[in-house]
Amino acid sequence: MTTRDIVHIALFAALMAVLGVFPALNVPVINVPITAQSMGVMLAGGLLGARRGTLAILLFMVIVLAGLPLLSGGRGGIAVLAGPTVGFFLGWLPAAFVTGLVTERFLPRLHFVSAFLAAATGGILVLYACGIPGISVVTGAPLATAAWGSVAFLPGDLIKAALAAAVMVAVSNSYPLIGRRSARRIG
């Protein structure tokens, strides 16, 4: 790992903290907030790739679990693992990894549709696959009820995936060396 990799990882962990400043919108039925931080997970994987993106999210999660109130709404500490959002919180790691992996597969020909697919696959599909069972376990609600309640988040998450895709394509076009470097690792 290079110094540049470490700086990118730290910067994306900081970006996650900044995205936590945006106030959360709570959905009353399932008591899970809509936050901007899930878009940060998409961006970390999509811009840094699977390995570095996952490490950036891991660094952020460790800092949060150590007690820094960096989650949306000023939450932090080990108590995060006991709340209804635990599945989404823990799902950030595989979500960033999958987003990065899918993005790397599309490089160097990344365009909006492929970037959107990468962001939606990791940042929605994988994240929901982790988050919905977490809601069910913590609240005691049946899995189907937790899944149905999570449908309220889908429009917002699709918008976040589109925004993340636009940023991913803009960065890929502005800094083509990032794309070539990632593509070289794969091929």
Protein backbone atom coordinates (compact mmCIF):
# COMPACT_ATOMS: atom_id res chain seq x y z
CA MET A 1 0.00 0.00 0.00
CA THR A 2 1.37 3.38 -0.99
CA THR A 3 1.20 6.67 0.86
CA ARG A 4 -1.30 7.81 -1.77
CA ASP A 5 -3.54 4.82 -0.96
CA ILE A 6 -3.43 5.65 2.75
CA VAL A 7 -4.31 9.29 2.04
CA HIS A 8 -7.25 8.26 -0.18
CA ILE A 9 -8.53 5.88 2.50
CA ALA A 10 -8.30 8.58 5.18
CA LEU A 11 -9.95 11.17 2.93
CA PHE A 12 -12.91 8.92 2.22
CA ALA A 13 -13.29 8.11 5.91
CA ALA A 14 -13.40 11.90 6.44
CA LEU A 15 -15.96 12.22 3.63
CA MET A 16 -18.17 9.73 5.47
CA ALA A 17 -17.93 11.92 8.57
CA VAL A 18 -18.88 15.01 6.55
CA LEU A 19 -21.88 13.20 5.05
CA GLY A 20 -22.99 12.45 8.61
CA VAL A 21 -23.49 16.19 9.18
CA PHE A 22 -26.54 16.17 6.91
CA PRO A 23 -29.59 15.62 9.11
CA ALA A 24 -31.25 12.23 8.90
CA LEU A 25 -34.84 11.84 7.81
CA ASN A 26 -36.57 9.28 10.03
CA VAL A 27 -39.19 6.93 8.64
CA PRO A 28 -41.58 6.45 11.59
CA VAL A 29 -42.79 2.93 10.81
CA ILE A 30 -39.39 1.21 10.95
CA ASN A 31 -37.37 3.79 12.90
CA VAL A 32 -34.43 3.71 10.45
CA PRO A 33 -33.09 7.07 9.23
CA ILE A 34 -32.43 8.05 5.62
CA THR A 35 -28.86 9.38 5.59
CA ALA A 36 -26.37 10.66 3.03
CA GLN A 37 -23.73 8.27 4.36
CA SER A 38 -24.93 5.35 2.24
CA MET A 39 -23.97 7.45 -0.79
CA GLY A 40 -20.50 7.78 0.75
CA VAL A 41 -20.25 3.99 0.75
CA MET A 42 -21.11 3.94 -2.96
CA LEU A 43 -18.55 6.65 -3.67
CA ALA A 44 -15.81 4.95 -1.65
CA GLY A 45 -16.19 1.70 -3.54
CA GLY A 46 -16.80 3.35 -6.88
CA LEU A 47 -13.88 5.78 -6.74
CA LEU A 48 -11.29 3.89 -4.70
CA GLY A 49 -12.06 0.37 -5.84
CA ALA A 50 -12.97 -2.71 -3.83
CA ARG A 51 -9.92 -2.93 -1.58
CA ARG A 52 -9.25 0.70 -0.76
CA GLY A 53 -12.96 1.60 -0.64
CA THR A 54 -13.62 -1.16 1.88
CA LEU A 55 -10.62 -0.08 3.96
CA ALA A 56 -11.91 3.52 4.00
CA ILE A 57 -15.30 2.37 5.27
CA LEU A 58 -13.65 0.05 7.81
CA LEU A 59 -11.57 2.95 9.14
CA PHE A 60 -14.69 5.08 9.48
CA MET A 61 -16.58 2.28 11.24
CA VAL A 62 -13.74 1.69 13.72
CA ILE A 63 -13.69 5.39 14.56
CA VAL A 64 -17.46 5.39 15.07
CA LEU A 65 -17.34 2.28 17.26
CA ALA A 66 -14.54 3.89 19.29
CA GLY A 67 -17.08 6.52 20.30
CA LEU A 68 -16.85 9.43 17.89
CA PRO A 69 -20.39 10.63 17.10
CA LEU A 70 -19.91 10.70 13.32
CA LEU A 71 -23.05 8.93 12.22
CA SER A 72 -25.96 11.00 11.06
CA GLY A 73 -27.76 12.44 14.07
CA GLY A 74 -24.56 12.51 16.14
CA ARG A 75 -24.59 8.81 16.96
CA GLY A 76 -21.48 6.78 17.71
CA GLY A 77 -20.06 4.22 20.08
CA ILE A 78 -20.65 0.53 20.54
CA ALA A 79 -24.39 1.13 21.11
CA VAL A 80 -24.72 1.46 17.33
CA LEU A 81 -24.48 -2.34 17.22
CA ALA A 82 -27.68 -2.67 19.27
CA GLY A 83 -29.90 -0.41 17.18
CA PRO A 84 -32.17 -1.23 14.24
CA THR A 85 -29.58 0.16 11.81
CA VAL A 86 -26.92 -2.40 12.76
CA GLY A 87 -27.43 -4.44 9.59
CA PHE A 88 -27.01 -1.37 7.41
CA PHE A 89 -23.99 -0.22 9.42
CA LEU A 90 -22.26 -3.61 9.12
CA GLY A 91 -23.44 -3.90 5.53
CA TRP A 92 -21.36 -0.88 4.55
CA LEU A 93 -18.27 -3.10 4.26
CA PRO A 94 -19.64 -5.60 1.72
CA ALA A 95 -21.52 -2.78 -0.03
CA ALA A 96 -18.32 -0.78 -0.61
CA PHE A 97 -16.48 -3.93 -1.68
CA VAL A 98 -19.13 -5.00 -4.20
CA THR A 99 -19.52 -1.47 -5.57
CA GLY A 100 -15.76 -1.30 -6.07
CA LEU A 101 -15.57 -4.75 -7.59
CA VAL A 102 -18.35 -4.06 -10.11
CA THR A 103 -16.85 -0.65 -10.95
CA GLU A 104 -13.43 -2.22 -11.54
CA ARG A 105 -15.02 -4.72 -13.94
CA PHE A 106 -16.40 -1.83 -16.03
CA LEU A 107 -13.13 0.15 -16.18
CA PRO A 108 -11.81 1.71 -18.36
CA ARG A 109 -15.14 2.06 -20.19
CA LEU A 110 -17.10 3.39 -17.24
CA HIS A 111 -20.16 5.42 -18.23
CA PHE A 112 -23.25 6.56 -16.34
CA VAL A 113 -25.27 3.37 -16.78
CA SER A 114 -22.44 1.06 -15.72
CA ALA A 115 -21.54 3.34 -12.79
CA PHE A 116 -25.21 3.43 -11.75
CA LEU A 117 -25.37 -0.37 -11.90
CA ALA A 118 -22.25 -0.63 -9.74
CA ALA A 119 -23.58 1.85 -7.18
CA ALA A 120 -27.03 0.25 -7.09
CA THR A 121 -25.67 -3.30 -6.86
CA GLY A 122 -23.42 -2.58 -3.90
CA GLY A 123 -25.12 0.42 -2.32
CA ILE A 124 -28.70 -0.83 -2.58
CA LEU A 125 -28.87 -4.57 -3.26
CA VAL A 126 -26.05 -5.64 -0.94
CA LEU A 127 -26.87 -3.01 1.67
CA TYR A 128 -30.54 -4.03 1.82
CA ALA A 129 -29.53 -7.71 1.98
CA CYS A 130 -27.60 -6.88 5.17
CA GLY A 131 -29.84 -4.16 6.60
CA ILE A 132 -33.27 -5.76 6.33
CA PRO A 133 -32.34 -8.87 8.35
CA GLY A 134 -30.75 -6.52 10.91
CA ILE A 135 -34.02 -4.63 11.30
CA SER A 136 -35.87 -7.92 11.67
CA VAL A 137 -33.52 -9.30 14.31
CA VAL A 138 -33.34 -6.13 16.42
CA THR A 139 -37.02 -5.17 16.27
CA GLY A 140 -38.45 -8.68 16.22
CA ALA A 141 -40.48 -7.82 13.13
CA PRO A 142 -40.94 -10.53 10.53
CA LEU A 143 -38.46 -10.35 7.65
CA ALA A 144 -41.27 -9.59 5.18
CA THR A 145 -42.44 -6.65 7.30
CA ALA A 146 -38.91 -5.27 7.53
CA ALA A 147 -38.48 -5.68 3.77
CA TRP A 148 -41.80 -4.02 3.01
CA GLY A 149 -40.97 -1.13 5.35
CA SER A 150 -37.62 -0.66 3.60
CA VAL A 151 -39.35 0.01 0.27
CA ALA A 152 -39.80 3.60 1.50
CA PHE A 153 -36.03 4.05 1.19
CA LEU A 154 -35.76 2.85 -2.40
CA PRO A 155 -36.53 6.14 -4.21
CA GLY A 156 -33.97 8.04 -2.12
CA ASP A 157 -31.38 5.31 -2.57
CA LEU A 158 -31.91 5.30 -6.34
CA ILE A 159 -31.30 9.07 -6.35
CA LYS A 160 -28.13 8.57 -4.26
CA ALA A 161 -26.95 5.86 -6.69
CA ALA A 162 -27.53 8.24 -9.61
CA LEU A 163 -25.60 11.03 -7.89
CA ALA A 164 -22.78 8.65 -7.00
CA ALA A 165 -22.70 7.39 -10.62
CA ALA A 166 -22.44 10.94 -11.95
CA VAL A 167 -19.52 11.64 -9.62
CA MET A 168 -17.85 8.33 -10.49
CA VAL A 169 -18.03 9.09 -14.22
CA ALA A 170 -16.84 12.68 -13.77
CA VAL A 171 -13.84 11.56 -11.71
CA SER A 172 -13.09 8.73 -14.13
CA ASN A 173 -13.11 11.20 -17.04
CA SER A 174 -11.10 13.84 -15.15
CA TYR A 175 -8.47 11.49 -13.78
CA PRO A 176 -8.01 8.70 -16.33
CA LEU A 177 -4.91 7.41 -14.54
CA ILE A 178 -7.13 6.20 -11.69
CA GLY A 179 -9.09 4.07 -14.14
CA ARG A 180 -6.01 2.67 -15.88
CA ARG A 181 -4.42 1.81 -12.56
CA SER A 182 -7.51 -0.10 -11.39
CA ALA A 183 -7.93 -1.81 -14.76
CA ARG A 184 -4.29 -2.93 -14.71
CA ARG A 185 -4.83 -4.61 -11.33
CA ILE A 186 -7.72 -6.65 -12.68
CA GLY A 187 -6.29 -7.67 -16.06
